C-alpha atoms as a PDB file:
ATOM      1  CA  UNK A   1     -15.268 -66.680  -9.433  1.00  0.00           C
ATOM      2  CA  UNK A   2     -16.346 -64.339  -6.531  1.00  0.00           C
ATOM      3  CA  UNK A   3     -15.170 -60.513  -6.890  1.00  0.00           C
ATOM      4  CA  UNK A   4     -12.867 -58.800  -4.015  1.00  0.00           C
ATOM      5  CA  UNK A   5     -12.447 -55.746  -2.556  1.00  0.00           C
ATOM      6  CA  UNK A   6     -14.384 -52.729  -1.014  1.00  0.00           C
ATOM      7  CA  UNK A   7     -17.282 -53.000  -4.028  1.00  0.00           C
ATOM      8  CA  UNK A   8     -17.341 -56.670  -4.176  1.00  0.00           C
ATOM      9  CA  UNK A   9     -21.436 -56.181  -4.129  1.00  0.00           C
ATOM     10  CA  UNK A  10     -21.552 -52.865  -5.598  1.00  0.00           C
ATOM     11  CA  UNK A  11     -21.722 -49.641  -4.582  1.00  0.00           C
ATOM     12  CA  UNK A  12     -24.391 -49.359  -1.537  1.00  0.00           C
ATOM     13  CA  UNK A  13     -25.622 -46.406   0.423  1.00  0.00           C
ATOM     14  CA  UNK A  14     -23.069 -46.694   3.016  1.00  0.00           C
ATOM     15  CA  UNK A  15     -19.669 -46.392   0.482  1.00  0.00           C
ATOM     16  CA  UNK A  16     -21.733 -42.974  -0.968  1.00  0.00           C
ATOM     17  CA  UNK A  17     -22.060 -41.692   2.442  1.00  0.00           C
ATOM     18  CA  UNK A  18     -18.294 -41.950   2.954  1.00  0.00           C
ATOM     19  CA  UNK A  19     -17.417 -40.599  -0.346  1.00  0.00           C
ATOM     20  CA  UNK A  20     -19.775 -37.583   0.662  1.00  0.00           C
ATOM     21  CA  UNK A  21     -17.919 -37.606   4.460  1.00  0.00           C
ATOM     22  CA  UNK A  22     -14.247 -37.515   3.069  1.00  0.00           C
ATOM     23  CA  UNK A  23     -15.177 -34.902   0.333  1.00  0.00           C
ATOM     24  CA  UNK A  24     -16.599 -32.504   2.517  1.00  0.00           C
ATOM     25  CA  UNK A  25     -14.082 -33.153   5.197  1.00  0.00           C
ATOM     26  CA  UNK A  26     -11.587 -32.188   2.527  1.00  0.00           C
ATOM     27  CA  UNK A  27     -13.439 -29.366   1.280  1.00  0.00           C
ATOM     28  CA  UNK A  28     -13.741 -28.230   4.988  1.00  0.00           C
ATOM     29  CA  UNK A  29     -10.394 -28.568   6.416  1.00  0.00           C
ATOM     30  CA  UNK A  30      -8.459 -26.806   2.906  1.00  0.00           C
ATOM     31  CA  UNK A  31     -10.729 -23.643   2.892  1.00  0.00           C
ATOM     32  CA  UNK A  32     -10.466 -24.099   6.987  1.00  0.00           C
ATOM     33  CA  UNK A  33      -6.357 -23.724   6.399  1.00  0.00           C
ATOM     34  CA  UNK A  34      -7.460 -20.898   3.792  1.00  0.00           C
ATOM     35  CA  UNK A  35      -9.279 -18.658   5.842  1.00  0.00           C
ATOM     36  CA  UNK A  36      -6.789 -19.138   8.725  1.00  0.00           C
ATOM     37  CA  UNK A  37      -3.689 -17.955   7.026  1.00  0.00           C
ATOM     38  CA  UNK A  38      -5.995 -14.951   4.947  1.00  0.00           C
ATOM     39  CA  UNK A  39      -6.742 -13.742   8.497  1.00  0.00           C
ATOM     40  CA  UNK A  40      -3.451 -14.120   9.715  1.00  0.00           C
ATOM     41  CA  UNK A  41      -1.380 -12.097   7.374  1.00  0.00           C
ATOM     42  CA  UNK A  42      -3.543  -9.486   6.706  1.00  0.00           C
ATOM     43  CA  UNK A  43      -5.554  -7.321   9.014  1.00  0.00           C
ATOM     44  CA  UNK A  44      -7.907  -5.555   6.834  1.00  0.00           C
ATOM     45  CA  UNK A  45      -6.607  -2.444   7.896  1.00  0.00           C
ATOM     46  CA  UNK A  46      -4.326  -0.197   5.818  1.00  0.00           C
ATOM     47  CA  UNK A  47      -3.503   2.346   8.623  1.00  0.00           C
ATOM     48  CA  UNK A  48      -2.324   1.486  11.853  1.00  0.00           C
ATOM     49  CA  UNK A  49      -5.215   2.995  13.608  1.00  0.00           C
ATOM     50  CA  UNK A  50      -8.069   2.577  11.986  1.00  0.00           C
ATOM     51  CA  UNK A  51     -10.504   3.493  15.100  1.00  0.00           C
ATOM     52  CA  UNK A  52      -8.462   6.624  16.036  1.00  0.00           C
ATOM     53  CA  UNK A  53      -8.260   7.726  12.318  1.00  0.00           C
ATOM     54  CA  UNK A  54     -12.105   7.420  12.234  1.00  0.00           C
ATOM     55  CA  UNK A  55     -12.601   9.652  15.241  1.00  0.00           C
ATOM     56  CA  UNK A  56     -10.488  12.128  13.317  1.00  0.00           C
ATOM     57  CA  UNK A  57     -12.474  12.049   9.985  1.00  0.00           C
ATOM     58  CA  UNK A  58     -14.426  15.722  10.486  1.00  0.00           C
ATOM     59  CA  UNK A  59     -11.113  17.011  11.081  1.00  0.00           C
ATOM     60  CA  UNK A  60      -9.460  15.251   8.102  1.00  0.00           C
ATOM     61  CA  UNK A  61     -12.127  16.529   5.861  1.00  0.00           C
ATOM     62  CA  UNK A  62     -11.025  19.855   7.290  1.00  0.00           C
ATOM     63  CA  UNK A  63      -7.688  19.133   6.273  1.00  0.00           C
ATOM     64  CA  UNK A  64      -8.526  18.056   2.815  1.00  0.00           C
ATOM     65  CA  UNK A  65     -10.152  21.265   2.007  1.00  0.00           C
ATOM     66  CA  UNK A  66      -7.560  23.924   3.561  1.00  0.00           C
ATOM     67  CA  UNK A  67      -5.047  21.917   1.340  1.00  0.00           C
ATOM     68  CA  UNK A  68      -7.240  22.113  -1.614  1.00  0.00           C
ATOM     69  CA  UNK A  69      -7.974  25.906  -1.327  1.00  0.00           C
ATOM     70  CA  UNK A  70      -3.862  26.281  -1.381  1.00  0.00           C
ATOM     71  CA  UNK A  71      -4.020  25.327  -4.443  1.00  0.00           C
ATOM     72  CA  UNK A  72      -0.428  23.804  -4.825  1.00  0.00           C
ATOM     73  CA  UNK A  73       0.876  21.722  -7.790  1.00  0.00           C
ATOM     74  CA  UNK A  74       2.895  18.802  -7.553  1.00  0.00           C
ATOM     75  CA  UNK A  75       5.112  17.130 -10.119  1.00  0.00           C
ATOM     76  CA  UNK A  76       7.148  14.058  -8.830  1.00  0.00           C
ATOM     77  CA  UNK A  77       9.371  11.622 -10.860  1.00  0.00           C
ATOM     78  CA  UNK A  78      12.181   9.302 -10.543  1.00  0.00           C
ATOM     79  CA  UNK A  79      15.460   8.821 -12.370  1.00  0.00           C
ATOM     80  CA  UNK A  80      16.713   5.154 -11.858  1.00  0.00           C
ATOM     81  CA  UNK A  81      19.466   5.612 -13.601  1.00  0.00           C
ATOM     82  CA  UNK A  82      20.664   8.540 -10.958  1.00  0.00           C
ATOM     83  CA  UNK A  83      18.478   6.873  -8.235  1.00  0.00           C
ATOM     84  CA  UNK A  84      17.330  10.428  -7.209  1.00  0.00           C
ATOM     85  CA  UNK A  85      13.709  11.312  -6.576  1.00  0.00           C
ATOM     86  CA  UNK A  86      12.205  14.568  -7.216  1.00  0.00           C
ATOM     87  CA  UNK A  87       9.338  16.647  -5.973  1.00  0.00           C
ATOM     88  CA  UNK A  88       8.457  20.246  -7.502  1.00  0.00           C
ATOM     89  CA  UNK A  89       6.133  22.304  -5.470  1.00  0.00           C
ATOM     90  CA  UNK A  90       4.726  25.311  -6.957  1.00  0.00           C
ATOM     91  CA  UNK A  91       1.291  27.430  -5.822  1.00  0.00           C
ATOM     92  CA  UNK A  92      -1.251  28.325  -7.825  1.00  0.00           C
ATOM     93  CA  UNK A  93       0.114  31.153  -9.569  1.00  0.00           C
ATOM     94  CA  UNK A  94       3.546  29.018 -10.602  1.00  0.00           C
ATOM     95  CA  UNK A  95       5.808  30.337  -8.049  1.00  0.00           C
ATOM     96  CA  UNK A  96       8.022  27.944  -6.561  1.00  0.00           C
ATOM     97  CA  UNK A  97       7.259  26.549  -3.003  1.00  0.00           C
ATOM     98  CA  UNK A  98      10.463  27.013  -0.390  1.00  0.00           C
ATOM     99  CA  UNK A  99      11.766  26.323   2.998  1.00  0.00           C
ATOM    100  CA  UNK A 100       9.174  23.031   3.685  1.00  0.00           C
ATOM    101  CA  UNK A 101      10.297  19.954   5.630  1.00  0.00           C
ATOM    102  CA  UNK A 102       9.727  16.762   3.368  1.00  0.00           C
ATOM    103  CA  UNK A 103       9.719  13.714   4.585  1.00  0.00           C
ATOM    104  CA  UNK A 104       7.937  10.561   3.471  1.00  0.00           C
ATOM    105  CA  UNK A 105       7.814   6.802   3.150  1.00  0.00           C
ATOM    106  CA  UNK A 106       7.867   5.301  -0.261  1.00  0.00           C
ATOM    107  CA  UNK A 107       6.689   1.507  -0.544  1.00  0.00           C
ATOM    108  CA  UNK A 108       5.309  -1.078  -2.412  1.00  0.00           C
ATOM    109  CA  UNK A 109       0.711  -1.050  -2.865  1.00  0.00           C
ATOM    110  CA  UNK A 110      -0.027  -4.119  -1.160  1.00  0.00           C
ATOM    111  CA  UNK A 111       2.868  -4.859   1.989  1.00  0.00           C
ATOM    112  CA  UNK A 112       5.112  -3.118   3.947  1.00  0.00           C
ATOM    113  CA  UNK A 113       7.969  -5.417   3.363  1.00  0.00           C
ATOM    114  CA  UNK A 114       9.652  -2.695   1.808  1.00  0.00           C
ATOM    115  CA  UNK A 115       9.046   0.302   2.917  1.00  0.00           C
ATOM    116  CA  UNK A 116      11.641   2.946   2.930  1.00  0.00           C
ATOM    117  CA  UNK A 117      11.542   6.068   5.043  1.00  0.00           C
ATOM    118  CA  UNK A 118      12.344   9.098   2.617  1.00  0.00           C
ATOM    119  CA  UNK A 119      13.810  12.447   3.756  1.00  0.00           C
ATOM    120  CA  UNK A 120      13.898  15.198   0.763  1.00  0.00           C
ATOM    121  CA  UNK A 121      16.498  17.986   0.246  1.00  0.00           C
ATOM    122  CA  UNK A 122      15.475  21.037  -1.041  1.00  0.00           C
ATOM    123  CA  UNK A 123      18.355  21.524  -4.247  1.00  0.00           C
ATOM    124  CA  UNK A 124      16.520  24.379  -6.316  1.00  0.00           C
ATOM    125  CA  UNK A 125      13.695  26.672  -6.355  1.00  0.00           C
ATOM    126  CA  UNK A 126      10.815  24.508  -5.127  1.00  0.00           C
ATOM    127  CA  UNK A 127      12.358  21.205  -6.089  1.00  0.00           C
ATOM    128  CA  UNK A 128      13.148  18.570  -3.281  1.00  0.00           C
ATOM    129  CA  UNK A 129      15.286  15.468  -4.046  1.00  0.00           C
ATOM    130  CA  UNK A 130      16.300  12.163  -2.348  1.00  0.00           C
ATOM    131  CA  UNK A 131      18.129   9.299  -3.083  1.00  0.00           C
ATOM    132  CA  UNK A 132      16.347   5.851  -2.999  1.00  0.00           C
ATOM    133  CA  UNK A 133      17.161   2.975  -4.791  1.00  0.00           C
ATOM    134  CA  UNK A 134      14.099   1.233  -6.121  1.00  0.00           C
ATOM    135  CA  UNK A 135      13.590  -1.770  -7.782  1.00  0.00           C
ATOM    136  CA  UNK A 136      11.088  -2.605 -11.027  1.00  0.00           C
ATOM    137  CA  UNK A 137       7.227  -2.444 -10.000  1.00  0.00           C
ATOM    138  CA  UNK A 138       4.733  -0.290  -8.683  1.00  0.00           C
ATOM    139  CA  UNK A 139       5.515   1.962  -5.593  1.00  0.00           C
ATOM    140  CA  UNK A 140       3.785   4.161  -3.537  1.00  0.00           C
ATOM    141  CA  UNK A 141       4.937   7.411  -2.060  1.00  0.00           C
ATOM    142  CA  UNK A 142       3.011   9.280   0.634  1.00  0.00           C
ATOM    143  CA  UNK A 143       4.921  12.406   1.978  1.00  0.00           C
ATOM    144  CA  UNK A 144       3.962  14.694   4.446  1.00  0.00           C
ATOM    145  CA  UNK A 145       5.316  18.787   4.166  1.00  0.00           C
ATOM    146  CA  UNK A 146       5.751  21.115   7.019  1.00  0.00           C
ATOM    147  CA  UNK A 147       6.387  24.313   6.903  1.00  0.00           C
ATOM    148  CA  UNK A 148      10.112  25.867   8.088  1.00  0.00           C
ATOM    149  CA  UNK A 149       8.749  25.967  11.923  1.00  0.00           C
ATOM    150  CA  UNK A 150       7.956  22.207  11.943  1.00  0.00           C
ATOM    151  CA  UNK A 151       4.185  22.541  13.299  1.00  0.00           C
ATOM    152  CA  UNK A 152       1.296  21.220  11.797  1.00  0.00           C
ATOM    153  CA  UNK A 153       1.732  19.694   8.246  1.00  0.00           C
ATOM    154  CA  UNK A 154       0.928  22.322   5.271  1.00  0.00           C
ATOM    155  CA  UNK A 155       0.586  19.822   2.790  1.00  0.00           C
ATOM    156  CA  UNK A 156      -0.058  15.919   1.986  1.00  0.00           C
ATOM    157  CA  UNK A 157       1.073  14.108  -1.462  1.00  0.00           C
ATOM    158  CA  UNK A 158      -0.133  10.257  -1.910  1.00  0.00           C
ATOM    159  CA  UNK A 159       1.154   9.181  -5.627  1.00  0.00           C
ATOM    160  CA  UNK A 160       1.740   5.821  -7.143  1.00  0.00           C
ATOM    161  CA  UNK A 161       4.650   5.350  -9.231  1.00  0.00           C
ATOM    162  CA  UNK A 162       5.621   2.683 -11.740  1.00  0.00           C
ATOM    163  CA  UNK A 163       9.422   2.410 -11.997  1.00  0.00           C
ATOM    164  CA  UNK A 164      10.285   0.123 -15.486  1.00  0.00           C
ATOM    165  CA  UNK A 165      12.276  -2.986 -15.674  1.00  0.00           C
ATOM    166  CA  UNK A 166      15.534  -1.822 -16.257  1.00  0.00           C
ATOM    167  CA  UNK A 167      16.513  -5.386 -18.876  1.00  0.00           C
END
């Protein structure tokens, strides 16, 4: 009785070569797809114009030093029952800071799909609030405060928040 099929005479060198070619061909194709989609969905930058930001790096360091010299203290809180985010600003001596034009962007740390612009209103002595609805999970608030004249930013705030699951 004679065996029929691909390996009737046993596994030979050409069979091993064909199996290796198929194996590595599939591996290269799958890795190629993964690389394509990884590069297509993430540019690698976390800023819209990283080149220009790099050119302004010394200015950014100077702004950071001026902000640290102010000694302002900030508190950020979110009340999920009311859908209200509040920020409290005070100087070194705990005096509330008023008359700020405070705006920001609230979004998820890993994507910009849920980003929302937020404009804060001064509601009490040094307390600013905005009504926003946030689902549970991790959020990042990036806010910029301008003085009453609307000139250069006087303070930049970047805080990470976690909203607990409501269920």
